[in-house]
Protein backbone atom coordinates (compact mmCIF):
# COMPACT_ATOMS: atom_id res chain seq x y z
CA MET A 1 116.68 58.52 71.33
CA LEU A 2 116.00 61.16 68.51
CA LYS A 3 114.03 63.21 71.13
CA CYS A 4 117.14 63.55 73.45
CA LEU A 5 119.43 64.53 70.23
CA SER A 6 116.80 67.41 69.30
CA ILE A 7 116.76 68.32 73.07
CA GLY A 8 120.40 68.33 73.68
CA PRO A 9 121.60 71.22 71.17
CA ILE A 10 118.57 73.22 72.89
CA ARG A 11 119.89 72.65 76.33
CA ALA A 12 123.57 73.24 75.30
CA ALA A 13 122.24 76.65 73.55
CA GLY A 14 120.35 77.86 76.77
CA PRO A 15 123.73 78.98 78.63
CA VAL A 16 125.09 80.73 75.37
CA LEU A 17 121.66 82.45 74.63
CA ALA A 18 121.63 83.39 78.58
CA ALA A 19 125.45 84.63 78.25
CA LEU A 20 124.50 86.68 75.27
CA ALA A 21 121.42 88.20 76.72
CA VAL A 22 123.48 89.39 79.81
CA ALA A 23 126.24 90.44 77.19
CA VAL A 24 123.55 92.84 75.38
CA LEU A 25 122.21 94.20 78.74
CA LEU A 26 125.87 95.12 79.60
CA MET A 27 126.38 96.91 76.46
CA ARG A 28 123.23 99.00 76.61
CA PRO A 29 124.97 101.73 78.23
CA ALA A 30 127.57 101.92 75.44
CA LEU A 31 124.79 102.20 72.96
CA ALA A 32 123.26 105.50 75.01
CA ASP A 33 124.48 108.73 74.71
CA PRO A 34 128.36 109.16 75.03
CA LEU A 35 130.10 109.65 78.08
CA TYR A 36 132.46 112.27 77.01
CA PRO A 37 130.84 115.08 74.96
CA ASN A 38 132.09 116.47 71.73
CA PRO A 39 135.67 117.47 71.82
CA ALA A 40 134.94 121.03 70.61
CA ASN A 41 132.55 121.71 73.53
CA ALA A 42 134.99 121.68 76.26
CA ARG A 43 136.13 125.20 76.94
CA SER A 44 132.34 126.31 77.03
CA ASP A 45 131.59 123.34 79.31
CA ILE A 46 134.40 124.15 81.71
CA ASP A 47 133.13 127.85 81.75
CA ALA A 48 129.74 126.83 82.48
CA ALA A 49 130.88 124.38 85.35
CA LEU A 50 132.97 127.13 86.74
CA ALA A 51 129.98 129.51 86.81
CA GLN A 52 127.85 126.91 88.49
CA ALA A 53 130.54 126.00 91.09
CA ALA A 54 131.07 129.57 92.02
CA GLY A 55 127.55 130.12 92.55
CA ALA A 56 127.26 126.77 94.43
CA HIS A 57 130.38 127.29 96.55
CA LYS A 58 131.74 123.96 94.96
CA ARG A 59 134.75 122.89 93.32
CA VAL A 60 135.09 121.58 89.68
CA LEU A 61 136.14 118.20 88.72
CA ILE A 62 137.48 118.08 85.29
CA ASP A 63 137.79 114.41 83.89
CA PHE A 64 139.60 114.27 81.00
CA GLY A 65 138.87 111.07 79.03
CA ALA A 66 137.45 109.35 75.91
CA ASN A 67 134.56 107.30 75.08
CA TRP A 68 137.00 104.52 73.86
CA CYS A 69 138.77 104.44 76.95
CA THR A 70 137.92 101.22 79.34
CA ASP A 71 139.59 102.77 82.33
CA CYS A 72 137.32 105.98 81.94
CA LYS A 73 134.18 103.92 81.81
CA VAL A 74 135.61 102.18 85.17
CA LEU A 75 136.07 105.33 86.87
CA GLU A 76 132.40 106.59 85.69
CA GLN A 77 131.13 103.24 87.35
CA ASN A 78 132.86 104.15 90.48
CA PHE A 79 131.56 107.80 90.30
CA ARG A 80 127.98 106.23 90.38
CA LYS A 81 128.59 104.29 93.52
CA PRO A 82 126.51 105.68 96.18
CA GLU A 83 129.21 106.87 98.59
CA ASN A 84 131.04 108.62 95.68
CA ALA A 85 127.75 110.11 93.74
CA ALA A 86 126.63 111.82 97.27
CA LEU A 87 130.63 113.23 97.51
CA LEU A 88 130.32 114.67 93.78
CA ALA A 89 126.70 116.00 94.22
CA THR A 90 127.57 117.64 97.71
CA HIS A 91 131.30 119.08 96.89
CA PHE A 92 131.86 119.24 93.00
CA VAL A 93 130.67 120.00 89.84
CA LEU A 94 131.75 117.30 87.21
CA VAL A 95 132.58 118.19 83.83
CA ARG A 96 133.96 115.72 81.46
CA VAL A 97 136.18 116.59 78.55
CA ASN A 98 136.57 114.48 75.51
CA VAL A 99 140.40 114.08 74.63
CA GLY A 100 139.59 112.52 71.10
CA ASP A 101 137.53 110.06 69.50
CA SER A 102 140.43 107.77 68.35
CA GLY A 103 143.35 108.82 70.49
CA ILE A 104 144.46 111.72 72.51
CA ASP A 105 144.63 114.48 70.08
CA HIS A 106 141.89 116.82 71.39
CA ASN A 107 142.10 119.40 74.35
CA VAL A 108 145.68 118.56 74.98
CA ASP A 109 146.09 122.51 75.49
CA LEU A 110 143.42 122.41 78.11
CA ALA A 111 144.67 119.54 79.95
CA GLN A 112 148.35 121.37 79.90
CA ARG A 113 146.51 124.59 81.14
CA TYR A 114 145.29 122.72 84.28
CA GLY A 115 148.56 120.94 84.77
CA VAL A 116 147.52 117.34 83.57
CA PRO A 117 149.95 115.72 81.38
CA LEU A 118 147.82 113.78 79.04
CA LYS A 119 150.80 111.69 77.78
CA LYS A 120 150.45 109.54 81.05
CA GLY A 121 147.05 108.26 80.05
CA VAL A 122 143.29 108.80 80.64
CA PRO A 123 141.39 109.31 82.81
CA ALA A 124 143.16 112.05 84.03
CA LEU A 125 141.72 114.63 86.64
CA ALA A 126 141.94 118.22 87.76
CA VAL A 127 140.10 119.80 90.67
CA LEU A 128 139.59 123.61 90.56
CA GLU A 129 138.14 126.28 92.93
CA GLY A 130 135.32 128.28 91.58
CA ASP A 131 137.07 130.79 90.47
CA GLY A 132 139.50 128.68 88.23
CA ARG A 133 142.30 128.29 90.61
CA VAL A 134 144.00 124.79 90.19
CA VAL A 135 143.66 122.74 93.58
CA PHE A 136 145.14 119.82 92.24
CA SER A 137 145.77 117.97 89.21
CA GLN A 138 147.09 114.38 88.37
CA LYS A 139 150.58 114.47 87.02
CA GLN A 140 151.23 110.56 87.22
CA GLY A 141 148.54 109.17 85.44
CA GLU A 142 147.14 108.08 88.87
CA PHE A 143 143.66 106.75 87.41
CA GLU A 144 144.98 105.58 83.99
CA ALA A 145 144.82 101.92 85.27
CA MET A 146 141.44 102.18 86.86
CA ARG A 147 140.62 98.81 86.24
CA THR A 148 143.11 97.27 88.22
CA MET A 149 142.79 99.79 91.29
CA ASP A 150 141.10 99.46 94.43
CA PRO A 151 137.80 101.30 93.88
CA LYS A 152 137.89 102.77 97.43
CA SER A 153 140.83 104.94 95.66
CA VAL A 154 137.99 107.20 93.88
CA ASN A 155 136.22 107.68 97.41
CA GLN A 156 139.36 108.79 98.91
CA PHE A 157 140.20 111.12 96.05
CA LEU A 158 136.84 113.01 96.34
CA THR A 159 137.06 112.93 100.10
CA GLN A 160 140.55 114.43 99.91
CA TRP A 161 139.97 116.94 97.45
CA SER A 162 136.49 118.04 98.49
CA GLY A 163 137.35 121.14 100.13
CA PHE A 164 136.42 119.94 103.50
CA PRO A 165 137.97 118.35 106.34
């Protein structure tokens, strides 16, 4: 009987330890480099993306977001899906613009420049030609609730704004 009592808690701990291991593995990407770079780099990052896009005959996709934003992380997961990653690699130069580390308080002027009202939420996207002309900007917070949206919406967006029929 004593043997059963000592094994019981170990058996009960097994699922808890397994769940903890899975949680640690899922958190691993969050411990890596942040998704959105230093907010101070935004202008130079956009300039570099425009130069690269112009030379490669691609469009620039500006992703306004933040490292604290769950919907931004969900959008990134969708960008990494093979069908979306292929569209991104073929048709876009992706540049991430950090809107702040504890709220939307950085690069608001850049978002306004490209027609993106950050008061609607993040992530928010703008599509530019290589010469800097705005092709499209999200004005209604279309992806700000990304975690509740159909993942196919990302593919539809990328396909629509790729610049190719």
